[in-house]
Amino acid sequence: MADAKRSFDAREHLSRPRQDVPAMVRVETDLYGSGPAVRLRRIAPGNAFLETADLLPFGTRVRIGFTDRSGVVNLVATGTVRHHYFINHVDDQGLNALAGMEVRFEGFFGGEVRTGEALH
C-alpha cells in the first residue's frame, strides 16, 4: 500500500524527457462522446498535454487516437484527465493565450480505425 501513495517529486517529474509534437489527435469519452480533433502539444512518458478550449472534467477517462496523415488511427492511448492549464505567452504574433489539459496515460493498444469510427 505504501507504493500506491508515493509522494510527488517535482525534480523527478521535470527531469523526464518531453517531446513537443504539434499534431492533431482524436479524443473520445464514454460520457461525453467525441469532439473535433485537438492539438497534441507535448508528450512525455506517462502523460500528454492537449491544447483545447473544451476542457473535460478532472477524472474523466479518455481514449486518444493518434492518426496518420490519411486519418487512420494506428495507436490509441487510454488515460485520465489530471490537470487543466491556462497559459499566457508571447510569440512572434504578440501576446497569446491557450487552454489545455494533461492526460495521464493508463494503457495503449494498436489497430486500424478509420476516421469517424469509435476508438473502442
PDB file of N, CA and C in Angstrom:
ATOM      1  N   MET A   1       0.821  -1.185   0.000  1.00  0.00           N
ATOM      2  CA  MET A   1       0.000   0.000   0.000  1.00  0.00           C
ATOM      3  C   MET A   1       0.865   1.249   0.000  1.00  0.00           C
ATOM      4  N   ALA A   2       2.031   1.197   0.607  1.00  0.00           N
ATOM      5  CA  ALA A   2       2.907   2.373   0.658  1.00  0.00           C
ATOM      6  C   ALA A   2       3.357   2.787  -0.742  1.00  0.00           C
ATOM      7  N   ASP A   3       3.530   1.813  -1.652  1.00  0.00           N
ATOM      8  CA  ASP A   3       3.938   2.133  -3.022  1.00  0.00           C
ATOM      9  C   ASP A   3       2.856   2.903  -3.766  1.00  0.00           C
ATOM     10  N   ALA A   4       1.600   2.615  -3.451  1.00  0.00           N
ATOM     11  CA  ALA A   4       0.500   3.275  -4.146  1.00  0.00           C
ATOM     12  C   ALA A   4       0.390   4.748  -3.772  1.00  0.00           C
ATOM     13  N   LYS A   5       0.864   5.129  -2.596  1.00  0.00           N
ATOM     14  CA  LYS A   5       0.784   6.521  -2.151  1.00  0.00           C
ATOM     15  C   LYS A   5       2.169   7.152  -2.153  1.00  0.00           C
ATOM     16  N   ARG A   6       2.833   7.088  -3.283  1.00  0.00           N
ATOM     17  CA  ARG A   6       4.147   7.701  -3.442  1.00  0.00           C
ATOM     18  C   ARG A   6       4.034   9.206  -3.365  1.00  0.00           C
ATOM     19  N   SER A   7       4.999   9.845  -2.746  1.00  0.00           N
ATOM     20  CA  SER A   7       4.970  11.311  -2.716  1.00  0.00           C
ATOM     21  C   SER A   7       5.449  11.847  -4.056  1.00  0.00           C
ATOM     22  N   PHE A   8       4.964  13.019  -4.418  1.00  0.00           N
ATOM     23  CA  PHE A   8       5.312  13.643  -5.687  1.00  0.00           C
ATOM     24  C   PHE A   8       6.691  14.269  -5.578  1.00  0.00           C
ATOM     25  N   ASP A   9       7.560  13.962  -6.519  1.00  0.00           N
ATOM     26  CA  ASP A   9       8.904  14.527  -6.566  1.00  0.00           C
ATOM     27  C   ASP A   9       9.004  15.404  -7.815  1.00  0.00           C
ATOM     28  N   ALA A  10       8.960  16.719  -7.636  1.00  0.00           N
ATOM     29  CA  ALA A  10       8.970  17.652  -8.761  1.00  0.00           C
ATOM     30  C   ALA A  10      10.240  17.519  -9.589  1.00  0.00           C
ATOM     31  N   ARG A  11      11.381  17.285  -8.953  1.00  0.00           N
ATOM     32  CA  ARG A  11      12.635  17.140  -9.711  1.00  0.00           C
ATOM     33  C   ARG A  11      12.574  15.940 -10.640  1.00  0.00           C
ATOM     34  N   GLU A  12      12.036  14.821 -10.145  1.00  0.00           N
ATOM     35  CA  GLU A  12      11.893  13.629 -10.981  1.00  0.00           C
ATOM     36  C   GLU A  12      10.934  13.912 -12.137  1.00  0.00           C
ATOM     37  N   HIS A  13       9.818  14.552 -11.822  1.00  0.00           N
ATOM     38  CA  HIS A  13       8.812  14.863 -12.829  1.00  0.00           C
ATOM     39  C   HIS A  13       9.390  15.758 -13.916  1.00  0.00           C
ATOM     40  N   LEU A  14      10.099  16.796 -13.549  1.00  0.00           N
ATOM     41  CA  LEU A  14      10.644  17.741 -14.517  1.00  0.00           C
ATOM     42  C   LEU A  14      11.840  17.189 -15.284  1.00  0.00           C
ATOM     43  N   SER A  15      12.488  16.158 -14.744  1.00  0.00           N
ATOM     44  CA  SER A  15      13.649  15.599 -15.438  1.00  0.00           C
ATOM     45  C   SER A  15      13.257  14.601 -16.525  1.00  0.00           C
ATOM     46  N   ARG A  16      11.986  14.190 -16.559  1.00  0.00           N
ATOM     47  CA  ARG A  16      11.535  13.261 -17.600  1.00  0.00           C
ATOM     48  C   ARG A  16      11.600  13.948 -18.954  1.00  0.00           C
ATOM     49  N   PRO A  17      12.009  13.222 -19.982  1.00  0.00           N
ATOM     50  CA  PRO A  17      12.067  13.846 -21.309  1.00  0.00           C
ATOM     51  C   PRO A  17      10.675  14.162 -21.830  1.00  0.00           C
ATOM     52  N   ARG A  18      10.561  15.324 -22.451  1.00  0.00           N
ATOM     53  CA  ARG A  18       9.303  15.740 -23.071  1.00  0.00           C
ATOM     54  C   ARG A  18       9.577  16.004 -24.529  1.00  0.00           C
ATOM     55  N   GLN A  19       8.598  15.767 -25.340  1.00  0.00           N
ATOM     56  CA  GLN A  19       8.752  15.982 -26.772  1.00  0.00           C
ATOM     57  C   GLN A  19       7.635  16.890 -27.251  1.00  0.00           C
ATOM     58  N   ASP A  20       7.998  18.034 -27.842  1.00  0.00           N
ATOM     59  CA  ASP A  20       6.999  18.896 -28.459  1.00  0.00           C
ATOM     60  C   ASP A  20       6.550  18.233 -29.749  1.00  0.00           C
ATOM     61  N   VAL A  21       5.259  17.985 -29.857  1.00  0.00           N
ATOM     62  CA  VAL A  21       4.708  17.285 -31.008  1.00  0.00           C
ATOM     63  C   VAL A  21       3.462  18.037 -31.464  1.00  0.00           C
ATOM     64  N   PRO A  22       3.610  19.000 -32.348  1.00  0.00           N
ATOM     65  CA  PRO A  22       2.412  19.710 -32.808  1.00  0.00           C
ATOM     66  C   PRO A  22       1.620  18.854 -33.792  1.00  0.00           C
ATOM     67  N   ALA A  23       0.776  17.982 -33.262  1.00  0.00           N
ATOM     68  CA  ALA A  23      -0.012  17.062 -34.090  1.00  0.00           C
ATOM     69  C   ALA A  23      -1.464  17.103 -33.621  1.00  0.00           C
ATOM     70  N   MET A  24      -2.359  16.658 -34.467  1.00  0.00           N
ATOM     71  CA  MET A  24      -3.773  16.588 -34.110  1.00  0.00           C
ATOM     72  C   MET A  24      -4.117  15.155 -33.695  1.00  0.00           C
ATOM     73  N   VAL A  25      -4.952  15.032 -32.648  1.00  0.00           N
ATOM     74  CA  VAL A  25      -5.389  13.726 -32.166  1.00  0.00           C
ATOM     75  C   VAL A  25      -6.898  13.762 -31.960  1.00  0.00           C
ATOM     76  N   ARG A  26      -7.499  12.591 -31.910  1.00  0.00           N
ATOM     77  CA  ARG A  26      -8.928  12.463 -31.607  1.00  0.00           C
ATOM     78  C   ARG A  26      -9.088  12.087 -30.146  1.00  0.00           C
ATOM     79  N   VAL A  27     -10.010  12.746 -29.453  1.00  0.00           N
ATOM     80  CA  VAL A  27     -10.284  12.438 -28.055  1.00  0.00           C
ATOM     81  C   VAL A  27     -11.736  11.981 -27.955  1.00  0.00           C
ATOM     82  N   GLU A  28     -11.938  10.890 -27.236  1.00  0.00           N
ATOM     83  CA  GLU A  28     -13.260  10.291 -27.110  1.00  0.00           C
ATOM     84  C   GLU A  28     -13.465   9.840 -25.670  1.00  0.00           C
ATOM     85  N   THR A  29     -14.686  10.004 -25.161  1.00  0.00           N
ATOM     86  CA  THR A  29     -15.038   9.517 -23.827  1.00  0.00           C
ATOM     87  C   THR A  29     -16.366   8.772 -23.911  1.00  0.00           C
ATOM     88  N   ASP A  30     -16.622   7.917 -22.942  1.00  0.00           N
ATOM     89  CA  ASP A  30     -17.910   7.225 -22.899  1.00  0.00           C
ATOM     90  C   ASP A  30     -19.030   8.193 -22.531  1.00  0.00           C
ATOM     91  N   LEU A  31     -18.755   9.127 -21.633  1.00  0.00           N
ATOM     92  CA  LEU A  31     -19.783  10.039 -21.141  1.00  0.00           C
ATOM     93  C   LEU A  31     -20.054  11.206 -22.080  1.00  0.00           C
ATOM     94  N   TYR A  32     -19.001  11.789 -22.655  1.00  0.00           N
ATOM     95  CA  TYR A  32     -19.151  12.998 -23.464  1.00  0.00           C
ATOM     96  C   TYR A  32     -19.031  12.759 -24.966  1.00  0.00           C
ATOM     97  N   GLY A  33     -18.744  11.539 -25.373  1.00  0.00           N
ATOM     98  CA  GLY A  33     -18.603  11.239 -26.798  1.00  0.00           C
ATOM     99  C   GLY A  33     -17.285  11.772 -27.344  1.00  0.00           C
ATOM    100  N   SER A  34     -17.286  12.101 -28.632  1.00  0.00           N
ATOM    101  CA  SER A  34     -16.069  12.616 -29.253  1.00  0.00           C
ATOM    102  C   SER A  34     -16.360  13.991 -29.829  1.00  0.00           C
ATOM    103  N   GLY A  35     -15.332  14.788 -29.902  1.00  0.00           N
ATOM    104  CA  GLY A  35     -15.471  16.129 -30.444  1.00  0.00           C
ATOM    105  C   GLY A  35     -14.520  16.316 -31.605  1.00  0.00           C
ATOM    106  N   PRO A  36     -14.290  17.563 -31.979  1.00  0.00           N
ATOM    107  CA  PRO A  36     -13.341  17.820 -33.058  1.00  0.00           C
ATOM    108  C   PRO A  36     -11.922  17.449 -32.618  1.00  0.00           C
ATOM    109  N   ALA A  37     -11.059  17.266 -33.580  1.00  0.00           N
ATOM    110  CA  ALA A  37      -9.660  16.942 -33.273  1.00  0.00           C
ATOM    111  C   ALA A  37      -9.052  18.054 -32.426  1.00  0.00           C
ATOM    112  N   VAL A  38      -8.161  17.683 -31.517  1.00  0.00           N
ATOM    113  CA  VAL A  38      -7.465  18.653 -30.672  1.00  0.00           C
ATOM    114  C   VAL A  38      -5.967  18.561 -30.942  1.00  0.00           C
ATOM    115  N   ARG A  39      -5.254  19.602 -30.568  1.00  0.00           N
ATOM    116  CA  ARG A  39      -3.821  19.654 -30.827  1.00  0.00           C
ATOM    117  C   ARG A  39      -3.051  19.010 -29.677  1.00  0.00           C
ATOM    118  N   LEU A  40      -2.257  18.007 -30.014  1.00  0.00           N
ATOM    119  CA  LEU A  40      -1.321  17.402 -29.078  1.00  0.00           C
ATOM    120  C   LEU A  40      -0.106  18.312 -29.051  1.00  0.00           C
ATOM    121  N   ARG A  41       0.153  18.966 -27.942  1.00  0.00           N
ATOM    122  CA  ARG A  41       1.262  19.917 -27.848  1.00  0.00           C
ATOM    123  C   ARG A  41       2.545  19.276 -27.361  1.00  0.00           C
ATOM    124  N   ARG A  42       2.411  18.437 -26.351  1.00  0.00           N
ATOM    125  CA  ARG A  42       3.613  17.868 -25.743  1.00  0.00           C
ATOM    126  C   ARG A  42       3.285  16.484 -25.225  1.00  0.00           C
ATOM    127  N   ILE A  43       4.252  15.595 -25.392  1.00  0.00           N
ATOM    128  CA  ILE A  43       4.072  14.229 -24.899  1.00  0.00           C
ATOM    129  C   ILE A  43       5.312  13.844 -24.104  1.00  0.00           C
ATOM    130  N   ALA A  44       5.108  13.126 -23.025  1.00  0.00           N
ATOM    131  CA  ALA A  44       6.188  12.671 -22.151  1.00  0.00           C
ATOM    132  C   ALA A  44       5.840  11.260 -21.712  1.00  0.00           C
ATOM    133  N   PRO A  45       6.809  10.545 -21.163  1.00  0.00           N
ATOM    134  CA  PRO A  45       6.473   9.216 -20.645  1.00  0.00           C
ATOM    135  C   PRO A  45       5.404   9.343 -19.564  1.00  0.00           C
ATOM    136  N   GLY A  46       4.259   8.768 -19.808  1.00  0.00           N
ATOM    137  CA  GLY A  46       3.208   8.772 -18.810  1.00  0.00           C
ATOM    138  C   GLY A  46       2.121   9.804 -18.980  1.00  0.00           C
ATOM    139  N   ASN A  47       2.338  10.854 -19.806  1.00  0.00           N
ATOM    140  CA  ASN A  47       1.283  11.852 -19.946  1.00  0.00           C
ATOM    141  C   ASN A  47       1.426  12.655 -21.230  1.00  0.00           C
ATOM    142  N   ALA A  48       0.393  13.457 -21.504  1.00  0.00           N
ATOM    143  CA  ALA A  48       0.403  14.319 -22.681  1.00  0.00           C
ATOM    144  C   ALA A  48      -0.358  15.590 -22.352  1.00  0.00           C
ATOM    145  N   PHE A  49       0.016  16.688 -23.018  1.00  0.00           N
ATOM    146  CA  PHE A  49      -0.700  17.947 -22.898  1.00  0.00           C
ATOM    147  C   PHE A  49      -1.469  18.174 -24.186  1.00  0.00           C
ATOM    148  N   LEU A  50      -2.789  18.324 -24.057  1.00  0.00           N
ATOM    149  CA  LEU A  50      -3.664  18.530 -25.203  1.00  0.00           C
ATOM    150  C   LEU A  50      -4.194  19.957 -25.157  1.00  0.00           C
ATOM    151  N   GLU A  51      -3.971  20.706 -26.226  1.00  0.00           N
ATOM    152  CA  GLU A  51      -4.490  22.068 -26.309  1.00  0.00           C
ATOM    153  C   GLU A  51      -5.927  22.014 -26.804  1.00  0.00           C
ATOM    154  N   THR A  52      -6.852  22.537 -25.999  1.00  0.00           N
ATOM    155  CA  THR A  52      -8.263  22.559 -26.362  1.00  0.00           C
ATOM    156  C   THR A  52      -8.993  23.563 -25.488  1.00  0.00           C
ATOM    157  N   ALA A  53      -9.962  24.248 -26.062  1.00  0.00           N
ATOM    158  CA  ALA A  53     -10.797  25.160 -25.284  1.00  0.00           C
ATOM    159  C   ALA A  53     -11.915  24.394 -24.582  1.00  0.00           C
ATOM    160  N   ASP A  54     -12.209  23.180 -25.046  1.00  0.00           N
ATOM    161  CA  ASP A  54     -13.264  22.347 -24.461  1.00  0.00           C
ATOM    162  C   ASP A  54     -12.650  21.367 -23.470  1.00  0.00           C
ATOM    163  N   LEU A  55     -12.388  21.853 -22.261  1.00  0.00           N
ATOM    164  CA  LEU A  55     -11.741  21.029 -21.243  1.00  0.00           C
ATOM    165  C   LEU A  55     -12.727  20.026 -20.666  1.00  0.00           C
ATOM    166  N   LEU A  56     -12.281  18.806 -20.517  1.00  0.00           N
ATOM    167  CA  LEU A  56     -13.092  17.768 -19.887  1.00  0.00           C
ATOM    168  C   LEU A  56     -12.882  17.832 -18.379  1.00  0.00           C
ATOM    169  N   PRO A  57     -13.869  17.427 -17.587  1.00  0.00           N
ATOM    170  CA  PRO A  57     -13.724  17.472 -16.125  1.00  0.00           C
ATOM    171  C   PRO A  57     -12.575  16.587 -15.627  1.00  0.00           C
ATOM    172  N   PHE A  58     -12.010  16.989 -14.484  1.00  0.00           N
ATOM    173  CA  PHE A  58     -10.974  16.181 -13.847  1.00  0.00           C
ATOM    174  C   PHE A  58     -11.493  14.769 -13.612  1.00  0.00           C
ATOM    175  N   GLY A  59     -10.634  13.793 -13.836  1.00  0.00           N
ATOM    176  CA  GLY A  59     -11.013  12.407 -13.605  1.00  0.00           C
ATOM    177  C   GLY A  59     -11.717  11.732 -14.768  1.00  0.00           C
ATOM    178  N   THR A  60     -12.009  12.473 -15.840  1.00  0.00           N
ATOM    179  CA  THR A  60     -12.675  11.872 -16.992  1.00  0.00           C
ATOM    180  C   THR A  60     -11.739  10.885 -17.673  1.00  0.00           C
ATOM    181  N   ARG A  61     -12.233   9.688 -17.912  1.00  0.00           N
ATOM    182  CA  ARG A  61     -11.444   8.673 -18.631  1.00  0.00           C
ATOM    183  C   ARG A  61     -11.596   8.930 -20.119  1.00  0.00           C
ATOM    184  N   VAL A  62     -10.476   8.973 -20.835  1.00  0.00           N
ATOM    185  CA  VAL A  62     -10.483   9.300 -22.262  1.00  0.00           C
ATOM    186  C   VAL A  62      -9.734   8.252 -23.066  1.00  0.00           C
ATOM    187  N   ARG A  63     -10.024   8.242 -24.371  1.00  0.00           N
ATOM    188  CA  ARG A  63      -9.264   7.488 -25.357  1.00  0.00           C
ATOM    189  C   ARG A  63      -8.713   8.523 -26.334  1.00  0.00           C
ATOM    190  N   ILE A  64      -7.421   8.474 -26.592  1.00  0.00           N
ATOM    191  CA  ILE A  64      -6.776   9.412 -27.507  1.00  0.00           C
ATOM    192  C   ILE A  64      -6.313   8.626 -28.715  1.00  0.00           C
ATOM    193  N   GLY A  65      -6.814   9.000 -29.884  1.00  0.00           N
ATOM    194  CA  GLY A  65      -6.453   8.327 -31.131  1.00  0.00           C
ATOM    195  C   GLY A  65      -5.375   9.102 -31.862  1.00  0.00           C
ATOM    196  N   PHE A  66      -4.240   8.474 -32.044  1.00  0.00           N
ATOM    197  CA  PHE A  66      -3.119   9.061 -32.788  1.00  0.00           C
ATOM    198  C   PHE A  66      -3.272   8.663 -34.243  1.00  0.00           C
ATOM    199  N   THR A  67      -3.467   9.643 -35.118  1.00  0.00           N
ATOM    200  CA  THR A  67      -3.752   9.362 -36.523  1.00  0.00           C
ATOM    201  C   THR A  67      -2.539   9.579 -37.407  1.00  0.00           C
ATOM    202  N   ASP A  68      -2.561   8.902 -38.549  1.00  0.00           N
ATOM    203  CA  ASP A  68      -1.539   9.189 -39.563  1.00  0.00           C
ATOM    204  C   ASP A  68      -2.108  10.249 -40.503  1.00  0.00           C
ATOM    205  N   ARG A  69      -1.383  10.595 -41.533  1.00  0.00           N
ATOM    206  CA  ARG A  69      -1.803  11.682 -42.430  1.00  0.00           C
ATOM    207  C   ARG A  69      -3.092  11.399 -43.181  1.00  0.00           C
ATOM    208  N   SER A  70      -3.435  10.130 -43.335  1.00  0.00           N
ATOM    209  CA  SER A  70      -4.668   9.788 -44.056  1.00  0.00           C
ATOM    210  C   SER A  70      -5.884   9.724 -43.124  1.00  0.00           C
ATOM    211  N   GLY A  71      -5.700   9.989 -41.827  1.00  0.00           N
ATOM    212  CA  GLY A  71      -6.810   9.972 -40.888  1.00  0.00           C
ATOM    213  C   GLY A  71      -7.055   8.633 -40.235  1.00  0.00           C
ATOM    214  N   VAL A  72      -6.189   7.658 -40.478  1.00  0.00           N
ATOM    215  CA  VAL A  72      -6.331   6.337 -39.869  1.00  0.00           C
ATOM    216  C   VAL A  72      -5.657   6.356 -38.502  1.00  0.00           C
ATOM    217  N   VAL A  73      -6.397   5.906 -37.484  1.00  0.00           N
ATOM    218  CA  VAL A  73      -5.843   5.816 -36.133  1.00  0.00           C
ATOM    219  C   VAL A  73      -5.056   4.515 -36.034  1.00  0.00           C
ATOM    220  N   ASN A  74      -3.762   4.629 -35.745  1.00  0.00           N
ATOM    221  CA  ASN A  74      -2.906   3.449 -35.629  1.00  0.00           C
ATOM    222  C   ASN A  74      -2.563   3.102 -34.190  1.00  0.00           C
ATOM    223  N   LEU A  75      -2.788   4.050 -33.274  1.00  0.00           N
ATOM    224  CA  LEU A  75      -2.471   3.832 -31.863  1.00  0.00           C
ATOM    225  C   LEU A  75      -3.513   4.565 -31.030  1.00  0.00           C
ATOM    226  N   VAL A  76      -4.022   3.899 -30.004  1.00  0.00           N
ATOM    227  CA  VAL A  76      -4.982   4.511 -29.094  1.00  0.00           C
ATOM    228  C   VAL A  76      -4.410   4.411 -27.685  1.00  0.00           C
ATOM    229  N   ALA A  77      -4.398   5.559 -26.999  1.00  0.00           N
ATOM    230  CA  ALA A  77      -3.967   5.598 -25.603  1.00  0.00           C
ATOM    231  C   ALA A  77      -5.205   5.819 -24.738  1.00  0.00           C
ATOM    232  N   THR A  78      -5.269   5.117 -23.629  1.00  0.00           N
ATOM    233  CA  THR A  78      -6.326   5.377 -22.657  1.00  0.00           C
ATOM    234  C   THR A  78      -5.705   6.135 -21.497  1.00  0.00           C
ATOM    235  N   GLY A  79      -6.495   6.994 -20.865  1.00  0.00           N
ATOM    236  CA  GLY A  79      -5.955   7.774 -19.765  1.00  0.00           C
ATOM    237  C   GLY A  79      -7.034   8.527 -19.023  1.00  0.00           C
ATOM    238  N   THR A  80      -6.586   9.388 -18.102  1.00  0.00           N
ATOM    239  CA  THR A  80      -7.464  10.164 -17.244  1.00  0.00           C
ATOM    240  C   THR A  80      -7.025  11.620 -17.244  1.00  0.00           C
ATOM    241  N   VAL A  81      -7.994  12.535 -17.325  1.00  0.00           N
ATOM    242  CA  VAL A  81      -7.695  13.965 -17.246  1.00  0.00           C
ATOM    243  C   VAL A  81      -7.247  14.276 -15.824  1.00  0.00           C
ATOM    244  N   ARG A  82      -6.050  14.867 -15.688  1.00  0.00           N
ATOM    245  CA  ARG A  82      -5.470  15.138 -14.371  1.00  0.00           C
ATOM    246  C   ARG A  82      -5.361  16.616 -14.037  1.00  0.00           C
ATOM    247  N   HIS A  83      -5.088  17.466 -15.024  1.00  0.00           N
ATOM    248  CA  HIS A  83      -4.881  18.897 -14.758  1.00  0.00           C
ATOM    249  C   HIS A  83      -5.447  19.725 -15.894  1.00  0.00           C
ATOM    250  N   HIS A  84      -5.824  20.962 -15.564  1.00  0.00           N
ATOM    251  CA  HIS A  84      -6.189  21.960 -16.572  1.00  0.00           C
ATOM    252  C   HIS A  84      -5.143  23.058 -16.531  1.00  0.00           C
ATOM    253  N   TYR A  85      -4.837  23.633 -17.696  1.00  0.00           N
ATOM    254  CA  TYR A  85      -3.858  24.712 -17.768  1.00  0.00           C
ATOM    255  C   TYR A  85      -4.411  25.853 -18.600  1.00  0.00           C
ATOM    256  N   PHE A  86      -4.129  27.071 -18.164  1.00  0.00           N
ATOM    257  CA  PHE A  86      -4.456  28.291 -18.890  1.00  0.00           C
ATOM    258  C   PHE A  86      -3.145  29.060 -18.988  1.00  0.00           C
ATOM    259  N   ILE A  87      -2.605  29.179 -20.193  1.00  0.00           N
ATOM    260  CA  ILE A  87      -1.250  29.692 -20.382  1.00  0.00           C
ATOM    261  C   ILE A  87      -1.274  30.958 -21.228  1.00  0.00           C
ATOM    262  N   ASN A  88      -0.652  32.015 -20.728  1.00  0.00           N
ATOM    263  CA  ASN A  88      -0.424  33.236 -21.499  1.00  0.00           C
ATOM    264  C   ASN A  88       1.026  33.217 -21.935  1.00  0.00           C
ATOM    265  N   HIS A  89       1.286  33.555 -23.201  1.00  0.00           N
ATOM    266  CA  HIS A  89       2.653  33.538 -23.701  1.00  0.00           C
ATOM    267  C   HIS A  89       2.815  34.569 -24.809  1.00  0.00           C
ATOM    268  N   VAL A  90       4.068  34.914 -25.077  1.00  0.00           N
ATOM    269  CA  VAL A  90       4.387  35.862 -26.142  1.00  0.00           C
ATOM    270  C   VAL A  90       5.162  35.123 -27.221  1.00  0.00           C
ATOM    271  N   ASP A  91       4.748  35.310 -28.471  1.00  0.00           N
ATOM    272  CA  ASP A  91       5.495  34.757 -29.601  1.00  0.00           C
ATOM    273  C   ASP A  91       5.627  35.836 -30.664  1.00  0.00           C
ATOM    274  N   ASP A  92       5.987  35.478 -31.889  1.00  0.00           N
ATOM    275  CA  ASP A  92       6.195  36.494 -32.923  1.00  0.00           C
ATOM    276  C   ASP A  92       4.913  37.241 -33.303  1.00  0.00           C
ATOM    277  N   GLN A  93       3.739  36.716 -32.947  1.00  0.00           N
ATOM    278  CA  GLN A  93       2.485  37.423 -33.200  1.00  0.00           C
ATOM    279  C   GLN A  93       2.053  38.289 -32.014  1.00  0.00           C
ATOM    280  N   GLY A  94       2.818  38.289 -30.950  1.00  0.00           N
ATOM    281  CA  GLY A  94       2.480  39.082 -29.765  1.00  0.00           C
ATOM    282  C   GLY A  94       1.970  38.213 -28.640  1.00  0.00           C
ATOM    283  N   LEU A  95       1.136  38.820 -27.791  1.00  0.00           N
ATOM    284  CA  LEU A  95       0.593  38.124 -26.632  1.00  0.00           C
ATOM    285  C   LEU A  95      -0.501  37.146 -27.064  1.00  0.00           C
ATOM    286  N   ASN A  96      -0.392  35.917 -26.612  1.00  0.00           N
ATOM    287  CA  ASN A  96      -1.371  34.873 -26.936  1.00  0.00           C
ATOM    288  C   ASN A  96      -1.732  34.101 -25.679  1.00  0.00           C
ATOM    289  N   ALA A  97      -2.805  33.352 -25.759  1.00  0.00           N
ATOM    290  CA  ALA A  97      -3.233  32.512 -24.645  1.00  0.00           C
ATOM    291  C   ALA A  97      -3.723  31.180 -25.199  1.00  0.00           C
ATOM    292  N   LEU A  98      -3.589  30.151 -24.398  1.00  0.00           N
ATOM    293  CA  LEU A  98      -4.134  28.855 -24.772  1.00  0.00           C
ATOM    294  C   LEU A  98      -4.605  28.138 -23.526  1.00  0.00           C
ATOM    295  N   ALA A  99      -5.525  27.219 -23.723  1.00  0.00           N
ATOM    296  CA  ALA A  99      -6.033  26.379 -22.645  1.00  0.00           C
ATOM    297  C   ALA A  99      -5.793  24.934 -23.036  1.00  0.00           C
ATOM    298  N   GLY A 100      -5.653  24.096 -22.041  1.00  0.00           N
ATOM    299  CA  GLY A 100      -5.441  22.690 -22.336  1.00  0.00           C
ATOM    300  C   GLY A 100      -5.554  21.841 -21.091  1.00  0.00           C
ATOM    301  N   MET A 101      -5.365  20.550 -21.297  1.00  0.00           N
ATOM    302  CA  MET A 101      -5.463  19.599 -20.189  1.00  0.00           C
ATOM    303  C   MET A 101      -4.366  18.558 -20.293  1.00  0.00           C
ATOM    304  N   GLU A 102      -3.952  18.090 -19.136  1.00  0.00           N
ATOM    305  CA  GLU A 102      -2.986  16.997 -19.077  1.00  0.00           C
ATOM    306  C   GLU A 102      -3.749  15.699 -18.909  1.00  0.00           C
ATOM    307  N   VAL A 103      -3.378  14.710 -19.704  1.00  0.00           N
ATOM    308  CA  VAL A 103      -3.957  13.377 -19.595  1.00  0.00           C
ATOM    309  C   VAL A 103      -2.854  12.426 -19.164  1.00  0.00           C
ATOM    310  N   ARG A 104      -3.088  11.701 -18.094  1.00  0.00           N
ATOM    311  CA  ARG A 104      -2.153  10.689 -17.615  1.00  0.00           C
ATOM    312  C   ARG A 104      -2.488   9.383 -18.281  1.00  0.00           C
ATOM    313  N   PHE A 105      -1.511   8.786 -18.985  1.00  0.00           N
ATOM    314  CA  PHE A 105      -1.741   7.543 -19.717  1.00  0.00           C
ATOM    315  C   PHE A 105      -1.928   6.366 -18.771  1.00  0.00           C
ATOM    316  N   GLU A 106      -2.820   5.457 -19.176  1.00  0.00           N
ATOM    317  CA  GLU A 106      -3.044   4.221 -18.427  1.00  0.00           C
ATOM    318  C   GLU A 106      -2.780   2.987 -19.264  1.00  0.00           C
ATOM    319  N   GLY A 107      -2.844   3.121 -20.588  1.00  0.00           N
ATOM    320  CA  GLY A 107      -2.602   1.976 -21.444  1.00  0.00           C
ATOM    321  C   GLY A 107      -2.602   2.378 -22.906  1.00  0.00           C
ATOM    322  N   PHE A 108      -2.127   1.481 -23.741  1.00  0.00           N
ATOM    323  CA  PHE A 108      -2.048   1.708 -25.182  1.00  0.00           C
ATOM    324  C   PHE A 108      -2.495   0.451 -25.900  1.00  0.00           C
ATOM    325  N   PHE A 109      -3.138   0.626 -27.054  1.00  0.00           N
ATOM    326  CA  PHE A 109      -3.390  -0.515 -27.917  1.00  0.00           C
ATOM    327  C   PHE A 109      -3.357  -0.045 -29.357  1.00  0.00           C
ATOM    328  N   GLY A 110      -3.006  -0.961 -30.243  1.00  0.00           N
ATOM    329  CA  GLY A 110      -2.871  -0.634 -31.657  1.00  0.00           C
ATOM    330  C   GLY A 110      -4.057  -1.140 -32.444  1.00  0.00           C
ATOM    331  N   GLY A 111      -3.987  -0.920 -33.719  1.00  0.00           N
ATOM    332  CA  GLY A 111      -5.064  -1.352 -34.592  1.00  0.00           C
ATOM    333  C   GLY A 111      -5.460  -0.208 -35.496  1.00  0.00           C
ATOM    334  N   GLU A 112      -6.139  -0.536 -36.534  1.00  0.00           N
ATOM    335  CA  GLU A 112      -6.507   0.474 -37.517  1.00  0.00           C
ATOM    336  C   GLU A 112      -7.963   0.856 -37.340  1.00  0.00           C
ATOM    337  N   VAL A 113      -8.229   2.142 -37.130  1.00  0.00           N
ATOM    338  CA  VAL A 113      -9.575   2.675 -37.007  1.00  0.00           C
ATOM    339  C   VAL A 113      -9.709   3.806 -37.997  1.00  0.00           C
ATOM    340  N   ARG A 114     -10.714   3.763 -38.830  1.00  0.00           N
ATOM    341  CA  ARG A 114     -10.932   4.820 -39.810  1.00  0.00           C
ATOM    342  C   ARG A 114     -11.572   6.042 -39.173  1.00  0.00           C
ATOM    343  N   THR A 115     -11.315   7.206 -39.741  1.00  0.00           N
ATOM    344  CA  THR A 115     -11.920   8.446 -39.247  1.00  0.00           C
ATOM    345  C   THR A 115     -13.427   8.292 -39.183  1.00  0.00           C
ATOM    346  N   GLY A 116     -14.012   8.720 -38.075  1.00  0.00           N
ATOM    347  CA  GLY A 116     -15.452   8.605 -37.895  1.00  0.00           C
ATOM    348  C   GLY A 116     -15.894   7.373 -37.143  1.00  0.00           C
ATOM    349  N   GLU A 117     -15.034   6.371 -37.026  1.00  0.00           N
ATOM    350  CA  GLU A 117     -15.363   5.173 -36.274  1.00  0.00           C
ATOM    351  C   GLU A 117     -14.994   5.380 -34.795  1.00  0.00           C
ATOM    352  N   ALA A 118     -15.645   4.645 -33.907  1.00  0.00           N
ATOM    353  CA  ALA A 118     -15.331   4.730 -32.485  1.00  0.00           C
ATOM    354  C   ALA A 118     -13.943   4.157 -32.216  1.00  0.00           C
ATOM    355  N   LEU A 119     -13.304   4.661 -31.173  1.00  0.00           N
ATOM    356  CA  LEU A 119     -11.950   4.220 -30.820  1.00  0.00           C
ATOM    357  C   LEU A 119     -11.943   3.007 -29.897  1.00  0.00           C
ATOM    358  N   HIS A 120     -13.087   2.384 -29.661  1.00  0.00           N
ATOM    359  CA  HIS A 120     -13.150   1.233 -28.740  1.00  0.00           C
ATOM    360  C   HIS A 120     -12.331   0.089 -29.258  1.00  0.00           C
TER     361      HIS A 120
END
